[in-house]
Amino acid sequence: MNFAALASVSAALMAWVAAVAEVDLPSAPVGEGVVEGVTAADHVVLRDGSSVRGLILSESGGPRGGVELILRRGWAERHHPAALRRWERGEAAEIRQAARERRERLARWRRDRAGHVPAEDRILAWIDREQERLAAAPGASGTPLMAVRLPARDLRTVNRRPRAHARLLALGWLCGLTDVESMPIEELSGALESRGFLAQGDQIPSLSALLPLAREPEALWVARRAATELALDDGLRFLRFQDLTLPEGPPAVPGGLGLATAISGLKRLLEPDAAAADLLAEALRQVERRGRAGAQVTSLEIAPDLSVVAVEIALWIRDSAGRWTVFGSRSARVAPAALGDGAGANLAGDPQIQTAFSLLETLGIGSISPEMKARSLRIGAATQLALQTARSAFLEDLELLRLPIFEDNRPSVDPRGAEGPRPPGDPRTPVRPDLPAKAPAPGDFSPPAEQGGAAETQTAPDRPRPAPSDRSPPRAPG
């Protein structure tokens, strides 16, 4: 049963219960393009009068503050050769530590997974390739881009470009354009469009493939692992409504939850005080027994007066101690009354909904009036819209976290910036360059969205999320 069907049936059931109790259910009221500028690069002027051009990840004030940014090695070699050598020495030590940490984590992942998948499993094959690559060059860098930190004591002014400009800069790097930091906006935009890229917009492609390996917190690594497994493995997505938990899509978990569980859950709506088993906990235990590290849980809430539908999609991860926690989530809220009287008409013929309405009547509830059915269908339509809104944002987050198992090789772009073939991967993957580069902690995707018009979701600009590098830059000397 999908969420729209579940919402419609649940709304009908709640409306019937209220009608029997002669309770009135009130209705809710109906309720950047490219900015002109010289170049796309952010511009930091140092106290000695020189400047650094790149993509700023974060700024912090105070005597220990500074600017963290991504820059191209070729540009740094021409304009700051002495500083580049210092940055690269600090970077090499960081890469060696990150490589050692990554190899240990990959080995644990392989042990967890190997007994539950075929020998030709795609993730296992990628793990083996990564182990060989990291063992062959544990401290190697030479990537086209690098992340550095400029301390506040060395800064005079910091000039950040609009998000739309940051998109152009990142796409220029991914395409291997020459001297993209100095290209006028119009020229850069034209060069990208001639290569088939959409210059307009403010979604910034991920730059992880062009950056060296960096250390990251355990929670972030487990979230990456979970996001990667979600891209390939079945049986890791669940739907949750009150105490009802169902697998999303075809059941893939042994002993999975089926129609009997749905019937039991709907009956419990009439007995809110009855004891209920923690079905989500059991579903997560089954995920753990299969050697997986995470699960996607989509939760539905319907206001008691049926005025608001809220959907939350959360990434649950299992830590090293075996505890399950929410790493992050996306949510959206929709007011069904704002959708109009015809909303949900496309759901009326859905066999699942027709079967569910019949099921309610066979449970001894009695016939459901046309008005109740129409309102229930609006609830279903609102659920669809909220689900689409939350899912779109959540999939962006997963794309940022996912490890590059779909890329056969490292980028074949000249690290010094000469034009060359575009690296593997889709450069249209969105990220948020105006947010800090610090690794996200559990719950950092977003807070619950506030009720708005038809549908609304919300991000948290003051809370960290993965930035273009998906990592924190090393604190290089100097």
Protein backbone atom coordinates (compact mmCIF):
# COMPACT_ATOMS: atom_id res chain seq x y z
CA MET A 1 0.00 0.00 0.00
CA ASN A 2 1.47 3.41 -0.95
CA PHE A 3 1.40 6.49 1.27
CA ALA A 4 -1.38 8.22 -0.69
CA ALA A 5 -3.63 5.20 -0.21
CA LEU A 6 -2.70 4.89 3.46
CA ALA A 7 -3.36 8.60 4.05
CA SER A 8 -6.71 8.52 2.27
CA VAL A 9 -7.90 5.44 4.16
CA SER A 10 -6.65 6.79 7.48
CA ALA A 11 -8.39 10.10 6.86
CA ALA A 12 -11.62 8.29 6.06
CA LEU A 13 -11.30 6.25 9.22
CA MET A 14 -10.60 9.33 11.37
CA ALA A 15 -13.53 11.16 9.78
CA TRP A 16 -15.85 8.21 10.46
CA VAL A 17 -14.75 8.00 14.10
CA ALA A 18 -15.37 11.72 14.53
CA ALA A 19 -18.78 11.48 12.87
CA VAL A 20 -19.82 8.66 15.19
CA ALA A 21 -18.70 10.75 18.15
CA GLU A 22 -20.49 13.83 16.68
CA VAL A 23 -17.22 15.75 16.63
CA ASP A 24 -16.80 18.54 14.09
CA LEU A 25 -13.58 18.47 12.05
CA PRO A 26 -12.77 22.05 11.05
CA SER A 27 -11.09 22.73 7.71
CA ALA A 28 -7.84 24.66 7.43
CA PRO A 29 -8.02 27.99 5.51
CA VAL A 30 -7.06 27.92 1.85
CA GLY A 31 -4.60 29.34 2.15
CA GLU A 32 18.55 34.01 -8.98
CA GLY A 33 19.83 34.21 -12.12
CA VAL A 34 23.43 35.18 -12.98
CA VAL A 35 24.23 38.50 -11.32
CA GLU A 36 26.54 40.76 -13.26
CA GLY A 37 30.15 40.76 -12.09
CA VAL A 38 33.69 40.65 -13.36
CA THR A 39 34.44 36.98 -12.70
CA ALA A 40 32.73 34.00 -11.08
CA ALA A 41 35.43 33.38 -8.44
CA ASP A 42 35.28 34.60 -4.85
CA HIS A 43 38.03 37.14 -4.21
CA VAL A 44 40.08 37.34 -1.00
CA VAL A 45 42.56 40.22 -0.64
CA LEU A 46 45.47 39.51 1.72
CA ARG A 47 47.21 42.07 3.91
CA ASP A 48 50.27 42.12 1.64
CA GLY A 49 48.05 43.27 -1.25
CA SER A 50 47.97 39.98 -3.13
CA SER A 51 44.74 38.08 -3.70
CA VAL A 52 43.40 34.54 -3.75
CA ARG A 53 40.57 33.47 -6.08
CA GLY A 54 38.44 30.38 -5.56
CA LEU A 55 35.20 29.13 -4.00
CA ILE A 56 34.69 30.08 -0.35
CA LEU A 57 33.29 27.32 1.85
CA SER A 58 33.00 29.18 5.13
CA GLU A 59 34.03 32.29 7.04
CA SER A 60 34.54 32.66 10.78
CA GLY A 61 35.36 35.72 12.86
CA GLY A 62 37.62 36.31 15.82
CA PRO A 63 41.39 36.03 16.18
CA ARG A 64 41.27 32.30 15.42
CA GLY A 65 38.85 32.70 12.55
CA GLY A 66 39.53 32.83 8.85
CA VAL A 67 38.33 31.71 5.46
CA GLU A 68 38.17 28.17 4.15
CA LEU A 69 38.05 27.87 0.38
CA ILE A 70 38.64 25.66 -2.61
CA LEU A 71 41.15 26.78 -5.22
CA ARG A 72 42.78 25.32 -8.32
CA ARG A 73 46.39 24.16 -8.06
CA GLY A 74 47.28 25.58 -11.46
CA TRP A 75 46.11 29.02 -10.37
CA ALA A 76 47.97 28.79 -7.04
CA GLU A 77 51.17 27.68 -8.81
CA ARG A 78 51.16 30.80 -11.01
CA HIS A 79 50.11 33.33 -8.37
CA HIS A 80 51.28 31.89 -5.00
CA PRO A 81 54.00 29.28 -5.69
CA ALA A 82 55.66 29.58 -2.26
CA ALA A 83 52.34 29.35 -0.41
CA LEU A 84 51.33 26.41 -2.59
CA ARG A 85 54.35 24.43 -1.43
CA ARG A 86 53.42 25.07 2.22
CA TRP A 87 49.81 24.17 1.59
CA GLU A 88 50.80 20.95 -0.17
CA ARG A 89 53.12 19.87 2.66
CA GLY A 90 50.30 20.23 5.16
CA GLU A 91 47.91 18.57 2.73
CA ALA A 92 50.18 15.52 2.27
CA ALA A 93 50.19 14.75 5.99
CA GLU A 94 46.41 15.11 6.10
CA ILE A 95 45.98 12.81 3.09
CA ARG A 96 48.14 10.08 4.64
CA GLN A 97 46.05 10.12 7.82
CA ALA A 98 42.83 10.18 5.80
CA ALA A 99 43.98 7.26 3.63
CA ARG A 100 44.82 5.14 6.69
CA GLU A 101 41.44 5.93 8.24
CA ARG A 102 39.59 5.20 4.99
CA ARG A 103 41.32 1.84 4.47
CA GLU A 104 40.34 0.68 7.95
CA ARG A 105 36.74 1.70 7.37
CA LEU A 106 36.62 0.02 3.97
CA ALA A 107 37.91 -3.22 5.51
CA ARG A 108 35.13 -3.16 8.15
CA TRP A 109 32.54 -2.45 5.48
CA ARG A 110 33.74 -5.39 3.41
CA ARG A 111 33.57 -7.75 6.41
CA ASP A 112 30.03 -6.64 7.21
CA ARG A 113 28.80 -6.99 3.64
CA ALA A 114 30.65 -9.96 2.15
CA GLY A 115 28.50 -12.68 3.71
CA HIS A 116 25.23 -11.21 2.43
CA VAL A 117 25.88 -10.42 -1.25
CA PRO A 118 27.19 -12.33 -4.28
CA ALA A 119 30.92 -12.33 -5.00
CA GLU A 120 30.43 -10.01 -8.00
CA ASP A 121 28.72 -7.37 -5.86
CA ARG A 122 29.38 -3.88 -7.20
CA ILE A 123 30.18 -2.32 -3.85
CA LEU A 124 32.65 -5.08 -2.93
CA ALA A 125 34.39 -4.59 -6.28
CA TRP A 126 34.67 -0.86 -5.66
CA ILE A 127 36.02 -1.42 -2.13
CA ASP A 128 38.75 -3.69 -3.51
CA ARG A 129 39.74 -1.11 -6.14
CA GLU A 130 39.84 1.64 -3.53
CA GLN A 131 42.02 -0.45 -1.23
CA GLU A 132 44.50 -1.04 -4.05
CA ARG A 133 44.55 2.65 -5.00
CA LEU A 134 45.04 3.87 -1.45
CA ALA A 135 47.75 1.28 -0.74
CA ALA A 136 49.67 2.26 -3.88
CA ALA A 137 49.75 6.00 -3.11
CA PRO A 138 48.70 6.68 0.50
CA GLY A 139 49.89 10.30 0.53
CA ALA A 140 49.43 11.20 -3.12
CA SER A 141 47.63 14.36 -4.09
CA GLY A 142 47.92 16.06 -7.47
CA THR A 143 44.17 16.58 -7.69
CA PRO A 144 43.03 19.57 -9.77
CA LEU A 145 41.59 21.34 -6.72
CA MET A 146 42.67 21.72 -3.12
CA ALA A 147 41.06 23.08 0.03
CA VAL A 148 42.99 25.57 2.17
CA ARG A 149 42.44 27.78 5.18
CA LEU A 150 43.52 31.42 5.28
CA PRO A 151 43.81 32.72 8.88
CA ALA A 152 42.03 35.96 9.78
CA ARG A 153 45.32 37.72 10.58
CA ASP A 154 46.31 37.48 6.90
CA LEU A 155 43.05 38.87 5.47
CA ARG A 156 42.17 42.37 4.38
CA THR A 157 38.87 41.94 2.52
CA VAL A 158 36.64 39.02 1.51
CA ASN A 159 34.37 39.33 -1.52
CA ARG A 160 31.92 36.50 -2.16
CA ARG A 161 30.11 36.11 -5.46
CA PRO A 162 26.43 35.13 -5.77
CA ARG A 163 25.46 31.47 -5.81
CA ALA A 164 24.79 31.61 -9.54
CA HIS A 165 28.42 32.66 -10.10
CA ALA A 166 29.66 29.83 -7.88
CA ARG A 167 27.79 27.40 -10.12
CA LEU A 168 29.61 28.75 -13.19
CA LEU A 169 32.99 28.53 -11.45
CA ALA A 170 32.43 24.92 -10.38
CA LEU A 171 31.21 23.87 -13.83
CA GLY A 172 34.24 25.57 -15.37
CA TRP A 173 36.52 23.55 -13.11
CA LEU A 174 34.70 20.32 -13.92
CA CYS A 175 35.01 21.01 -17.66
CA GLY A 176 38.74 21.73 -17.31
CA LEU A 177 38.45 25.26 -18.74
CA THR A 178 41.68 27.24 -18.78
CA ASP A 179 42.01 30.11 -16.27
CA VAL A 180 38.34 29.98 -15.33
CA GLU A 181 38.98 32.26 -12.31
CA SER A 182 39.77 35.21 -14.61
CA MET A 183 37.12 34.67 -17.29
CA PRO A 184 34.40 37.33 -17.50
CA ILE A 185 30.98 36.03 -16.52
CA GLU A 186 29.55 36.32 -20.04
CA GLU A 187 32.49 34.49 -21.60
CA LEU A 188 32.41 31.70 -19.02
CA SER A 189 28.65 31.30 -19.39
CA GLY A 190 28.97 31.03 -23.16
CA ALA A 191 31.81 28.51 -22.93
CA LEU A 192 29.73 26.27 -20.67
CA GLU A 193 26.60 26.50 -22.80
CA SER A 194 28.63 25.60 -25.90
CA ARG A 195 29.55 22.37 -24.09
CA GLY A 196 25.92 21.55 -23.34
CA PHE A 197 25.67 22.83 -19.76
CA LEU A 198 22.88 25.00 -18.42
CA ALA A 199 24.54 28.21 -17.23
CA GLN A 200 21.45 29.61 -15.48
CA GLY A 201 20.53 28.54 -11.97
CA ASP A 202 22.18 28.35 -8.56
CA GLN A 203 22.61 24.59 -8.02
CA ILE A 204 26.31 23.86 -7.65
CA PRO A 205 27.85 20.57 -8.82
CA SER A 206 29.80 18.45 -6.36
CA LEU A 207 33.57 18.94 -6.56
CA SER A 208 34.55 15.92 -4.48
CA ALA A 209 35.99 14.08 -7.50
CA LEU A 210 38.50 16.92 -8.02
CA LEU A 211 39.63 17.16 -4.38
CA PRO A 212 42.02 15.00 -2.33
CA LEU A 213 40.87 12.59 0.34
CA ALA A 214 40.24 14.14 3.77
CA ARG A 215 39.49 12.82 7.24
CA GLU A 216 35.89 12.86 8.39
CA PRO A 217 33.88 11.99 11.52
CA GLU A 218 32.64 8.44 11.96
CA ALA A 219 28.99 9.48 11.70
CA LEU A 220 29.60 11.11 8.33
CA TRP A 221 31.41 8.01 7.03
CA VAL A 222 28.57 5.72 8.12
CA ALA A 223 26.09 8.08 6.44
CA ARG A 224 28.14 7.89 3.22
CA ARG A 225 28.12 4.13 3.44
CA ALA A 226 24.37 4.09 4.05
CA ALA A 227 23.69 6.47 1.14
CA THR A 228 25.77 4.25 -1.14
CA GLU A 229 23.92 1.11 -0.07
CA LEU A 230 20.58 2.85 -0.62
CA ALA A 231 21.61 3.51 -4.23
CA LEU A 232 21.99 -0.22 -4.97
CA ASP A 233 20.35 -2.41 -2.31
CA ASP A 234 16.70 -3.33 -1.83
CA GLY A 235 14.91 -3.63 1.50
CA LEU A 236 16.38 -0.48 3.07
CA ARG A 237 13.42 1.88 2.68
CA PHE A 238 10.44 1.91 5.02
CA LEU A 239 7.15 3.78 5.39
CA ARG A 240 5.91 4.67 8.87
CA PHE A 241 2.52 5.88 10.08
CA GLN A 242 1.84 5.92 13.83
CA ASP A 243 2.93 2.45 14.95
CA LEU A 244 2.58 0.99 11.45
CA THR A 245 5.83 0.26 9.55
CA LEU A 246 5.88 -1.12 6.01
CA PRO A 247 8.66 -1.79 3.50
CA GLU A 248 8.65 0.67 0.62
CA GLY A 249 8.29 -1.13 -2.69
CA PRO A 250 8.43 -4.92 -3.10
CA PRO A 251 9.20 -6.63 0.25
CA ALA A 252 12.87 -7.60 0.30
CA VAL A 253 13.41 -8.19 4.00
CA PRO A 254 12.80 -11.76 5.19
CA GLY A 255 9.68 -11.87 7.30
CA GLY A 256 8.74 -8.45 5.91
CA LEU A 257 5.64 -6.53 6.97
CA GLY A 258 2.58 -7.09 4.80
CA LEU A 259 -1.14 -6.53 4.55
CA ALA A 260 -1.80 -8.24 7.87
CA THR A 261 0.35 -5.63 9.56
CA ALA A 262 -1.52 -2.85 7.75
CA ILE A 263 -4.87 -4.20 8.92
CA SER A 264 -3.57 -4.48 12.46
CA GLY A 265 -2.27 -0.91 12.34
CA LEU A 266 -5.55 0.49 11.06
CA LYS A 267 -7.48 -1.32 13.77
CA ARG A 268 -5.20 0.24 16.38
CA LEU A 269 -6.36 3.69 15.24
CA LEU A 270 -9.60 2.84 17.02
CA GLU A 271 -7.69 1.73 20.12
CA PRO A 272 -5.00 4.36 20.68
CA ASP A 273 -4.23 3.08 24.17
CA ALA A 274 -3.55 -0.48 23.07
CA ALA A 275 0.04 -1.70 23.42
CA ALA A 276 1.94 -1.69 20.13
CA ALA A 277 5.13 -3.43 19.11
CA ASP A 278 8.01 -1.28 17.88
CA LEU A 279 7.90 -2.40 14.25
CA LEU A 280 10.51 0.12 13.15
CA ALA A 281 13.01 -1.27 15.63
CA GLU A 282 12.44 -4.75 14.22
CA ALA A 283 12.84 -3.48 10.66
CA LEU A 284 16.17 -1.85 11.58
CA ARG A 285 17.34 -5.04 13.27
CA GLN A 286 16.67 -6.90 10.04
CA VAL A 287 18.72 -4.31 8.15
CA GLU A 288 21.57 -4.80 10.63
CA ARG A 289 21.44 -8.58 10.27
CA ARG A 290 22.03 -8.12 6.55
CA GLY A 291 25.26 -6.22 7.21
CA ARG A 292 23.90 -2.82 6.15
CA ALA A 293 24.62 0.45 7.91
CA GLY A 294 21.55 2.56 7.26
CA ALA A 295 17.92 2.84 6.21
CA GLN A 296 15.56 5.44 4.79
CA VAL A 297 12.40 5.93 6.86
CA THR A 298 9.52 8.01 5.50
CA SER A 299 7.03 9.06 8.18
CA LEU A 300 3.52 10.42 7.72
CA GLU A 301 1.55 12.51 10.21
CA ILE A 302 -2.04 13.72 9.74
CA ALA A 303 -3.37 16.41 12.05
CA PRO A 304 -6.33 15.27 14.20
CA ASP A 305 -8.59 17.77 12.40
CA LEU A 306 -7.23 16.63 8.99
CA SER A 307 -6.02 20.18 8.27
CA VAL A 308 -2.34 19.36 7.67
CA VAL A 309 -0.35 16.47 6.29
CA ALA A 310 3.34 16.25 7.23
CA VAL A 311 5.93 13.95 5.65
CA GLU A 312 9.44 13.46 6.99
CA ILE A 313 12.16 11.39 5.29
CA ALA A 314 15.03 10.46 7.61
CA LEU A 315 18.34 8.70 7.13
CA TRP A 316 18.86 6.28 10.02
CA ILE A 317 22.40 5.01 10.60
CA ARG A 318 23.93 2.38 12.89
CA ASP A 319 26.96 3.54 14.89
CA SER A 320 29.95 1.44 15.92
CA ALA A 321 28.19 0.51 19.18
CA GLY A 322 25.19 -0.85 17.27
CA ARG A 323 22.86 2.03 18.18
CA TRP A 324 20.48 3.40 15.54
CA THR A 325 20.16 7.17 15.29
CA VAL A 326 18.80 9.70 12.79
CA PHE A 327 21.66 11.29 10.86
CA GLY A 328 19.49 13.84 9.07
CA SER A 329 16.06 14.38 7.58
CA ARG A 330 13.94 16.42 5.20
CA SER A 331 10.31 17.30 5.77
CA ALA A 332 7.36 19.02 4.10
CA ARG A 333 3.86 20.02 5.20
CA VAL A 334 0.75 20.49 3.03
CA ALA A 335 -2.69 21.87 3.83
CA PRO A 336 -5.18 19.67 1.89
CA ALA A 337 -7.80 22.45 1.79
CA ALA A 338 -5.37 24.58 -0.25
CA LEU A 339 -5.41 22.00 -3.05
CA GLY A 340 -9.02 22.60 -4.08
CA ASP A 341 -12.10 20.42 -4.38
CA GLY A 342 -10.85 18.35 -7.32
CA ALA A 343 -7.61 17.32 -5.69
CA GLY A 344 -7.16 13.59 -5.43
CA ALA A 345 -9.59 12.75 -8.22
CA ASN A 346 -6.82 10.83 -9.96
CA LEU A 347 -6.56 8.61 -6.89
CA ALA A 348 -10.23 7.56 -6.87
CA GLY A 349 -9.65 4.75 -9.35
CA ASP A 350 -6.50 3.46 -7.65
CA PRO A 351 -7.12 -0.26 -6.94
CA GLN A 352 -5.27 0.03 -3.63
CA ILE A 353 -7.55 2.82 -2.43
CA GLN A 354 -10.70 1.08 -3.63
CA THR A 355 -9.60 -2.09 -1.87
CA ALA A 356 -8.75 -0.15 1.27
CA PHE A 357 -12.17 1.57 1.38
CA SER A 358 -13.79 -1.84 1.02
CA LEU A 359 -11.51 -3.16 3.73
CA LEU A 360 -12.67 -0.47 6.16
CA GLU A 361 -16.26 -1.38 5.53
CA THR A 362 -15.56 -5.09 6.12
CA LEU A 363 -13.98 -4.21 9.47
CA GLY A 364 -17.43 -3.26 10.70
CA ILE A 365 -17.02 0.49 10.24
CA GLY A 366 -20.00 0.85 7.91
CA SER A 367 -20.35 2.72 4.63
CA ILE A 368 -18.19 5.76 3.92
CA SER A 369 -20.06 8.80 2.66
CA PRO A 370 -19.07 10.56 -0.61
CA GLU A 371 -18.02 13.60 1.41
CA MET A 372 -15.71 11.50 3.56
CA LYS A 373 -14.25 9.85 0.46
CA ALA A 374 -13.63 13.22 -1.24
CA ARG A 375 -11.91 14.60 1.84
CA SER A 376 -9.88 11.43 2.17
CA LEU A 377 -8.75 11.70 -1.44
CA ARG A 378 -7.61 15.28 -0.81
CA ILE A 379 -5.57 13.95 2.08
CA GLY A 380 -4.03 11.45 -0.33
CA ALA A 381 -3.21 14.20 -2.85
CA ALA A 382 -1.67 16.33 -0.10
CA THR A 383 0.42 13.37 0.98
CA GLN A 384 1.69 12.89 -2.58
CA LEU A 385 2.72 16.55 -2.82
CA ALA A 386 4.43 16.57 0.58
CA LEU A 387 6.21 13.34 -0.27
CA GLN A 388 7.47 14.70 -3.61
CA THR A 389 8.74 17.88 -1.97
CA ALA A 390 10.56 16.15 0.88
CA ARG A 391 11.89 13.37 -1.35
CA SER A 392 13.43 15.81 -3.85
CA ALA A 393 15.45 17.53 -1.12
CA PHE A 394 16.35 14.23 0.56
CA LEU A 395 17.68 12.71 -2.68
CA GLU A 396 19.95 15.73 -3.11
CA ASP A 397 21.38 15.06 0.34
CA LEU A 398 21.93 11.39 -0.47
CA GLU A 399 23.68 12.32 -3.70
CA LEU A 400 26.13 14.48 -1.74
CA LEU A 401 26.86 11.67 0.68
CA ARG A 402 27.13 8.79 -1.78
CA LEU A 403 30.59 7.37 -2.44
CA PRO A 404 31.78 7.36 -6.09
CA ILE A 405 31.14 3.70 -6.84
CA PHE A 406 29.66 4.61 -10.23
CA GLU A 407 32.92 6.20 -11.37
CA ASP A 408 35.42 3.76 -12.84
CA ASN A 409 38.48 6.00 -12.51
CA ARG A 410 39.69 9.16 -10.88
CA PRO A 411 39.23 12.39 -12.93
CA SER A 412 41.38 12.69 -16.03
CA VAL A 413 41.67 16.47 -15.76
CA ASP A 414 45.06 18.17 -15.81
CA PRO A 415 45.66 19.16 -12.14
CA ARG A 416 47.27 22.41 -13.27
CA GLY A 417 44.13 23.47 -15.09
CA ALA A 418 44.76 22.87 -18.81
CA GLU A 419 41.60 22.11 -20.76
CA GLY A 420 40.89 18.42 -20.98
CA PRO A 421 38.11 15.85 -20.78
CA ARG A 422 35.42 16.31 -18.17
CA PRO A 423 35.83 13.99 -15.17
CA PRO A 424 33.34 11.17 -14.63
CA GLY A 425 30.14 11.83 -12.73
CA ASP A 426 27.26 14.19 -13.28
CA PRO A 427 28.31 17.83 -12.75
CA ARG A 428 24.73 18.84 -12.19
CA THR A 429 24.56 17.26 -8.73
CA PRO A 430 23.37 20.09 -6.45
CA VAL A 431 25.14 21.24 -3.30
CA ARG A 432 25.06 24.37 -1.18
CA PRO A 433 28.35 26.30 -1.37
CA ASP A 434 27.19 29.04 0.96
CA LEU A 435 27.06 26.61 3.90
CA PRO A 436 29.99 25.60 6.11
CA ALA A 437 32.26 22.81 4.95
CA LYS A 438 32.22 21.11 8.34
CA ALA A 439 30.90 17.58 8.30
CA PRO A 440 27.21 17.35 9.23
CA ALA A 441 26.29 15.87 12.59
CA PRO A 442 23.17 13.77 13.21
CA GLY A 443 20.02 15.72 12.41
CA ASP A 444 21.74 18.39 10.33
CA PHE A 445 19.84 17.98 7.07
CA SER A 446 17.04 20.29 8.13
CA PRO A 447 14.48 21.04 10.85
CA PRO A 448 10.79 20.32 10.21
CA ALA A 449 9.27 22.64 7.61
CA GLU A 450 6.69 25.16 8.72
CA GLN A 451 3.16 24.99 7.39
CA GLY A 452 2.83 27.23 4.37
CA GLY A 453 0.83 27.37 1.17
CA ALA A 454 0.33 24.19 -0.79
CA ALA A 455 3.67 22.64 0.11
CA GLU A 456 6.74 23.88 1.87
CA THR A 457 10.12 22.51 2.83
CA GLN A 458 12.96 24.23 4.64
CA THR A 459 16.72 24.09 4.97
CA ALA A 460 18.80 25.32 7.88
CA PRO A 461 21.48 27.82 6.72
CA ASP A 462 22.94 28.05 10.20
CA ARG A 463 23.42 24.29 10.48
CA PRO A 464 26.15 22.45 8.61
CA ARG A 465 25.51 20.32 5.56
CA PRO A 466 27.93 18.80 3.05
CA ALA A 467 29.51 21.60 0.98
CA PRO A 468 31.11 21.35 -2.49
CA SER A 469 34.07 19.44 -1.10
CA ASP A 470 31.90 17.29 1.21
CA ARG A 471 34.78 17.67 3.68
CA SER A 472 36.68 20.15 5.85
CA PRO A 473 39.91 21.56 4.41
CA PRO A 474 43.18 20.83 6.19
CA ARG A 475 44.71 23.63 8.20
CA ALA A 476 47.83 24.14 6.15
CA PRO A 477 50.76 26.02 7.68
CA GLY A 478 51.24 29.62 6.77
